[in-house]
PDB file of all heavy atoms in Angstrom:
ATOM      1  N   GLY A   1       0.856 -10.364   0.223  1.00  0.00           N
ATOM      2  CA  GLY A   1       0.105 -11.346  -0.527  1.00  0.00           C
ATOM      3  C   GLY A   1      -0.445 -12.492   0.296  1.00  0.00           C
ATOM      4  O   GLY A   1      -1.269 -13.260  -0.176  1.00  0.00           O
ATOM      5  N   GLN A   2       0.018 -12.635   1.520  1.00  0.00           N
ATOM      6  CA  GLN A   2      -0.487 -13.714   2.364  1.00  0.00           C
ATOM      7  C   GLN A   2      -1.887 -13.383   2.842  1.00  0.00           C
ATOM      8  O   GLN A   2      -2.194 -12.240   3.152  1.00  0.00           O
ATOM      9  CB  GLN A   2       0.421 -13.911   3.571  1.00  0.00           C
ATOM     10  CG  GLN A   2      -0.090 -14.957   4.531  1.00  0.00           C
ATOM     11  CD  GLN A   2       0.599 -14.913   5.884  1.00  0.00           C
ATOM     12  OE1 GLN A   2       1.233 -13.931   6.211  1.00  0.00           O
ATOM     13  NE2 GLN A   2       0.459 -15.966   6.649  1.00  0.00           N
ATOM     14  N   THR A   3      -2.746 -14.396   2.886  1.00  0.00           N
ATOM     15  CA  THR A   3      -4.063 -14.205   3.472  1.00  0.00           C
ATOM     16  C   THR A   3      -3.865 -13.943   4.958  1.00  0.00           C
ATOM     17  O   THR A   3      -3.214 -14.726   5.642  1.00  0.00           O
ATOM     18  CB  THR A   3      -4.941 -15.452   3.272  1.00  0.00           C
ATOM     19  OG1 THR A   3      -5.057 -15.704   1.884  1.00  0.00           O
ATOM     20  CG2 THR A   3      -6.311 -15.261   3.886  1.00  0.00           C
ATOM     21  N   PRO A   4      -4.376 -12.833   5.465  1.00  0.00           N
ATOM     22  CA  PRO A   4      -4.112 -12.484   6.869  1.00  0.00           C
ATOM     23  C   PRO A   4      -4.834 -13.405   7.851  1.00  0.00           C
ATOM     24  O   PRO A   4      -5.878 -13.967   7.542  1.00  0.00           O
ATOM     25  CB  PRO A   4      -4.632 -11.055   6.985  1.00  0.00           C
ATOM     26  CG  PRO A   4      -5.643 -10.925   5.905  1.00  0.00           C
ATOM     27  CD  PRO A   4      -5.210 -11.838   4.801  1.00  0.00           C
ATOM     28  N   ASP A   5      -4.234 -13.541   9.026  1.00  0.00           N
ATOM     29  CA  ASP A   5      -4.904 -14.196  10.142  1.00  0.00           C
ATOM     30  C   ASP A   5      -5.761 -13.138  10.823  1.00  0.00           C
ATOM     31  O   ASP A   5      -5.313 -12.004  11.018  1.00  0.00           O
ATOM     32  CB  ASP A   5      -3.887 -14.752  11.135  1.00  0.00           C
ATOM     33  CG  ASP A   5      -3.114 -15.935  10.580  1.00  0.00           C
ATOM     34  OD1 ASP A   5      -3.637 -16.621   9.670  1.00  0.00           O
ATOM     35  OD2 ASP A   5      -1.997 -16.187  11.068  1.00  0.00           O
ATOM     36  N   LEU A   6      -6.978 -13.509  11.171  1.00  0.00           N
ATOM     37  CA  LEU A   6      -7.907 -12.570  11.796  1.00  0.00           C
ATOM     38  C   LEU A   6      -8.180 -12.987  13.239  1.00  0.00           C
ATOM     39  O   LEU A   6      -8.381 -14.166  13.519  1.00  0.00           O
ATOM     40  CB  LEU A   6      -9.226 -12.517  11.038  1.00  0.00           C
ATOM     41  CG  LEU A   6      -9.138 -12.082   9.580  1.00  0.00           C
ATOM     42  CD1 LEU A   6     -10.502 -12.199   8.917  1.00  0.00           C
ATOM     43  CD2 LEU A   6      -8.617 -10.658   9.485  1.00  0.00           C
ATOM     44  N   TYR A   7      -8.172 -12.002  14.114  1.00  0.00           N
ATOM     45  CA  TYR A   7      -8.485 -12.204  15.522  1.00  0.00           C
ATOM     46  C   TYR A   7      -9.544 -11.187  15.908  1.00  0.00           C
ATOM     47  O   TYR A   7      -9.432 -10.018  15.549  1.00  0.00           O
ATOM     48  CB  TYR A   7      -7.253 -11.982  16.398  1.00  0.00           C
ATOM     49  CG  TYR A   7      -6.118 -12.937  16.106  1.00  0.00           C
ATOM     50  CD1 TYR A   7      -5.151 -12.623  15.168  1.00  0.00           C
ATOM     51  CD2 TYR A   7      -6.022 -14.150  16.770  1.00  0.00           C
ATOM     52  CE1 TYR A   7      -4.110 -13.498  14.885  1.00  0.00           C
ATOM     53  CE2 TYR A   7      -4.987 -15.026  16.505  1.00  0.00           C
ATOM     54  CZ  TYR A   7      -4.042 -14.690  15.564  1.00  0.00           C
ATOM     55  OH  TYR A   7      -3.016 -15.565  15.298  1.00  0.00           O
ATOM     56  N   THR A   8     -10.556 -11.613  16.626  1.00  0.00           N
ATOM     57  CA  THR A   8     -11.584 -10.714  17.119  1.00  0.00           C
ATOM     58  C   THR A   8     -11.641 -10.856  18.631  1.00  0.00           C
ATOM     59  O   THR A   8     -11.687 -11.974  19.144  1.00  0.00           O
ATOM     60  CB  THR A   8     -12.954 -11.041  16.499  1.00  0.00           C
ATOM     61  OG1 THR A   8     -12.839 -10.957  15.082  1.00  0.00           O
ATOM     62  CG2 THR A   8     -14.010 -10.061  16.975  1.00  0.00           C
ATOM     63  N   PHE A   9     -11.606  -9.728  19.313  1.00  0.00           N
ATOM     64  CA  PHE A   9     -11.662  -9.769  20.773  1.00  0.00           C
ATOM     65  C   PHE A   9     -12.392  -8.550  21.297  1.00  0.00           C
ATOM     66  O   PHE A   9     -12.530  -7.548  20.611  1.00  0.00           O
ATOM     67  CB  PHE A   9     -10.267  -9.870  21.392  1.00  0.00           C
ATOM     68  CG  PHE A   9      -9.265  -8.893  20.853  1.00  0.00           C
ATOM     69  CD1 PHE A   9      -9.160  -7.623  21.378  1.00  0.00           C
ATOM     70  CD2 PHE A   9      -8.425  -9.255  19.818  1.00  0.00           C
ATOM     71  CE1 PHE A   9      -8.240  -6.719  20.876  1.00  0.00           C
ATOM     72  CE2 PHE A   9      -7.494  -8.359  19.311  1.00  0.00           C
ATOM     73  CZ  PHE A   9      -7.397  -7.091  19.845  1.00  0.00           C
ATOM     74  N   THR A  10     -12.876  -8.683  22.514  1.00  0.00           N
ATOM     75  CA  THR A  10     -13.578  -7.580  23.155  1.00  0.00           C
ATOM     76  C   THR A  10     -12.615  -6.835  24.076  1.00  0.00           C
ATOM     77  O   THR A  10     -11.595  -7.380  24.500  1.00  0.00           O
ATOM     78  CB  THR A  10     -14.773  -8.086  23.985  1.00  0.00           C
ATOM     79  OG1 THR A  10     -14.292  -9.008  24.955  1.00  0.00           O
ATOM     80  CG2 THR A  10     -15.807  -8.740  23.107  1.00  0.00           C
ATOM     81  N   LEU A  11     -12.957  -5.633  24.363  1.00  0.00           N
ATOM     82  CA  LEU A  11     -12.169  -4.825  25.286  1.00  0.00           C
ATOM     83  C   LEU A  11     -12.102  -5.548  26.625  1.00  0.00           C
ATOM     84  O   LEU A  11     -13.099  -6.030  27.132  1.00  0.00           O
ATOM     85  CB  LEU A  11     -12.815  -3.450  25.458  1.00  0.00           C
ATOM     86  CG  LEU A  11     -12.081  -2.468  26.347  1.00  0.00           C
ATOM     87  CD1 LEU A  11     -10.705  -2.149  25.766  1.00  0.00           C
ATOM     88  CD2 LEU A  11     -12.887  -1.194  26.499  1.00  0.00           C
ATOM     89  N   GLY A  12     -10.930  -5.676  27.170  1.00  0.00           N
ATOM     90  CA  GLY A  12     -10.746  -6.366  28.438  1.00  0.00           C
ATOM     91  C   GLY A  12     -10.377  -7.831  28.282  1.00  0.00           C
ATOM     92  O   GLY A  12     -10.013  -8.481  29.259  1.00  0.00           O
ATOM     93  N   SER A  13     -10.469  -8.362  27.059  1.00  0.00           N
ATOM     94  CA  SER A  13     -10.118  -9.775  26.869  1.00  0.00           C
ATOM     95  C   SER A  13      -8.787  -9.932  26.142  1.00  0.00           C
ATOM     96  O   SER A  13      -8.489 -10.990  25.614  1.00  0.00           O
ATOM     97  CB  SER A  13     -11.220 -10.504  26.098  1.00  0.00           C
ATOM     98  OG  SER A  13     -11.267 -10.057  24.763  1.00  0.00           O
ATOM     99  N   VAL A  14      -7.997  -8.865  26.130  1.00  0.00           N
ATOM    100  CA  VAL A  14      -6.691  -8.922  25.484  1.00  0.00           C
ATOM    101  C   VAL A  14      -5.649  -8.311  26.417  1.00  0.00           C
ATOM    102  O   VAL A  14      -5.920  -7.323  27.104  1.00  0.00           O
ATOM    103  CB  VAL A  14      -6.699  -8.200  24.115  1.00  0.00           C
ATOM    104  CG1 VAL A  14      -6.976  -6.720  24.256  1.00  0.00           C
ATOM    105  CG2 VAL A  14      -5.403  -8.427  23.359  1.00  0.00           C
ATOM    106  N   THR A  15      -4.501  -8.949  26.466  1.00  0.00           N
ATOM    107  CA  THR A  15      -3.359  -8.419  27.205  1.00  0.00           C
ATOM    108  C   THR A  15      -2.258  -8.156  26.193  1.00  0.00           C
ATOM    109  O   THR A  15      -1.960  -9.016  25.355  1.00  0.00           O
ATOM    110  CB  THR A  15      -2.872  -9.426  28.268  1.00  0.00           C
ATOM    111  OG1 THR A  15      -3.942  -9.675  29.179  1.00  0.00           O
ATOM    112  CG2 THR A  15      -1.667  -8.890  29.029  1.00  0.00           C
ATOM    113  N   ILE A  16      -1.688  -6.970  26.258  1.00  0.00           N
ATOM    114  CA  ILE A  16      -0.600  -6.605  25.356  1.00  0.00           C
ATOM    115  C   ILE A  16       0.618  -6.361  26.221  1.00  0.00           C
ATOM    116  O   ILE A  16       0.627  -5.437  27.033  1.00  0.00           O
ATOM    117  CB  ILE A  16      -0.970  -5.385  24.498  1.00  0.00           C
ATOM    118  CG1 ILE A  16      -2.219  -5.704  23.681  1.00  0.00           C
ATOM    119  CG2 ILE A  16       0.195  -4.997  23.593  1.00  0.00           C
ATOM    120  CD1 ILE A  16      -2.778  -4.570  22.888  1.00  0.00           C
ATOM    121  N   GLY A  17       1.626  -7.222  26.044  1.00  0.00           N
ATOM    122  CA  GLY A  17       2.757  -7.200  26.962  1.00  0.00           C
ATOM    123  C   GLY A  17       2.250  -7.637  28.327  1.00  0.00           C
ATOM    124  O   GLY A  17       1.779  -8.748  28.491  1.00  0.00           O
ATOM    125  N   THR A  18       2.311  -6.737  29.281  1.00  0.00           N
ATOM    126  CA  THR A  18       1.786  -7.042  30.621  1.00  0.00           C
ATOM    127  C   THR A  18       0.577  -6.176  30.965  1.00  0.00           C
ATOM    128  O   THR A  18       0.117  -6.186  32.101  1.00  0.00           O
ATOM    129  CB  THR A  18       2.881  -6.835  31.687  1.00  0.00           C
ATOM    130  OG1 THR A  18       3.346  -5.481  31.611  1.00  0.00           O
ATOM    131  CG2 THR A  18       4.040  -7.792  31.471  1.00  0.00           C
ATOM    132  N   SER A  19       0.063  -5.437  29.979  1.00  0.00           N
ATOM    133  CA  SER A  19      -1.049  -4.511  30.227  1.00  0.00           C
ATOM    134  C   SER A  19      -2.354  -5.031  29.645  1.00  0.00           C
ATOM    135  O   SER A  19      -2.386  -5.514  28.511  1.00  0.00           O
ATOM    136  CB  SER A  19      -0.753  -3.144  29.591  1.00  0.00           C
ATOM    137  OG  SER A  19       0.410  -2.598  30.133  1.00  0.00           O
ATOM    138  N   THR A  20      -3.415  -4.919  30.425  1.00  0.00           N
ATOM    139  CA  THR A  20      -4.758  -5.212  29.943  1.00  0.00           C
ATOM    140  C   THR A  20      -5.518  -3.891  29.891  1.00  0.00           C
ATOM    141  O   THR A  20      -5.905  -3.360  30.933  1.00  0.00           O
ATOM    142  CB  THR A  20      -5.479  -6.211  30.874  1.00  0.00           C
ATOM    143  OG1 THR A  20      -4.706  -7.401  30.958  1.00  0.00           O
ATOM    144  CG2 THR A  20      -6.864  -6.543  30.348  1.00  0.00           C
ATOM    145  N   PRO A  21      -5.679  -3.341  28.695  1.00  0.00           N
ATOM    146  CA  PRO A  21      -6.310  -2.027  28.585  1.00  0.00           C
ATOM    147  C   PRO A  21      -7.776  -2.065  29.007  1.00  0.00           C
ATOM    148  O   PRO A  21      -8.476  -3.048  28.760  1.00  0.00           O
ATOM    149  CB  PRO A  21      -6.173  -1.691  27.100  1.00  0.00           C
ATOM    150  CG  PRO A  21      -5.985  -2.996  26.422  1.00  0.00           C
ATOM    151  CD  PRO A  21      -5.330  -3.908  27.397  1.00  0.00           C
ATOM    152  N   SER A  22      -8.215  -0.985  29.625  1.00  0.00           N
ATOM    153  CA  SER A  22      -9.605  -0.906  30.077  1.00  0.00           C
ATOM    154  C   SER A  22     -10.417   0.096  29.265  1.00  0.00           C
ATOM    155  O   SER A  22     -11.619   0.205  29.457  1.00  0.00           O
ATOM    156  CB  SER A  22      -9.662  -0.539  31.559  1.00  0.00           C
ATOM    157  OG  SER A  22      -9.019   0.699  31.775  1.00  0.00           O
ATOM    158  N   THR A  23      -9.756   0.818  28.362  1.00  0.00           N
ATOM    159  CA  THR A  23     -10.459   1.749  27.480  1.00  0.00           C
ATOM    160  C   THR A  23      -9.979   1.516  26.048  1.00  0.00           C
ATOM    161  O   THR A  23      -8.869   1.022  25.819  1.00  0.00           O
ATOM    162  CB  THR A  23     -10.183   3.219  27.849  1.00  0.00           C
ATOM    163  OG1 THR A  23      -8.796   3.497  27.620  1.00  0.00           O
ATOM    164  CG2 THR A  23     -10.550   3.514  29.296  1.00  0.00           C
ATOM    165  N   ILE A  24     -10.819   1.875  25.104  1.00  0.00           N
ATOM    166  CA  ILE A  24     -10.430   1.747  23.690  1.00  0.00           C
ATOM    167  C   ILE A  24      -9.218   2.610  23.402  1.00  0.00           C
ATOM    168  O   ILE A  24      -8.316   2.227  22.662  1.00  0.00           O
ATOM    169  CB  ILE A  24     -11.616   2.116  22.767  1.00  0.00           C
ATOM    170  CG1 ILE A  24     -12.641   0.991  22.773  1.00  0.00           C
ATOM    171  CG2 ILE A  24     -11.156   2.406  21.358  1.00  0.00           C
ATOM    172  CD1 ILE A  24     -12.181  -0.319  22.141  1.00  0.00           C
ATOM    173  N   SER A  25      -9.167   3.767  24.011  1.00  0.00           N
ATOM    174  CA  SER A  25      -8.039   4.675  23.814  1.00  0.00           C
ATOM    175  C   SER A  25      -6.719   4.017  24.227  1.00  0.00           C
ATOM    176  O   SER A  25      -5.729   4.061  23.484  1.00  0.00           O
ATOM    177  CB  SER A  25      -8.299   5.945  24.616  1.00  0.00           C
ATOM    178  OG  SER A  25      -7.362   6.905  24.352  1.00  0.00           O
ATOM    179  N   SER A  26      -6.692   3.386  25.396  1.00  0.00           N
ATOM    180  CA  SER A  26      -5.454   2.733  25.842  1.00  0.00           C
ATOM    181  C   SER A  26      -5.153   1.500  24.994  1.00  0.00           C
ATOM    182  O   SER A  26      -3.990   1.183  24.736  1.00  0.00           O
ATOM    183  CB  SER A  26      -5.520   2.380  27.329  1.00  0.00           C
ATOM    184  OG  SER A  26      -6.570   1.500  27.607  1.00  0.00           O
ATOM    185  N   LEU A  27      -6.184   0.812  24.519  1.00  0.00           N
ATOM    186  CA  LEU A  27      -5.982  -0.325  23.628  1.00  0.00           C
ATOM    187  C   LEU A  27      -5.314   0.119  22.329  1.00  0.00           C
ATOM    188  O   LEU A  27      -4.373  -0.519  21.854  1.00  0.00           O
ATOM    189  CB  LEU A  27      -7.306  -1.020  23.336  1.00  0.00           C
ATOM    190  CG  LEU A  27      -7.270  -2.159  22.330  1.00  0.00           C
ATOM    191  CD1 LEU A  27      -6.364  -3.280  22.808  1.00  0.00           C
ATOM    192  CD2 LEU A  27      -8.663  -2.678  22.050  1.00  0.00           C
TER     193      LEU A  27
END
């Protein structure tokens, strides 16, 4: 029921853990 927080980012501008994915598949 909470209104979600939205984030928009481009490929290469996000790090997940210690990885910065370079393909959509790895993202």
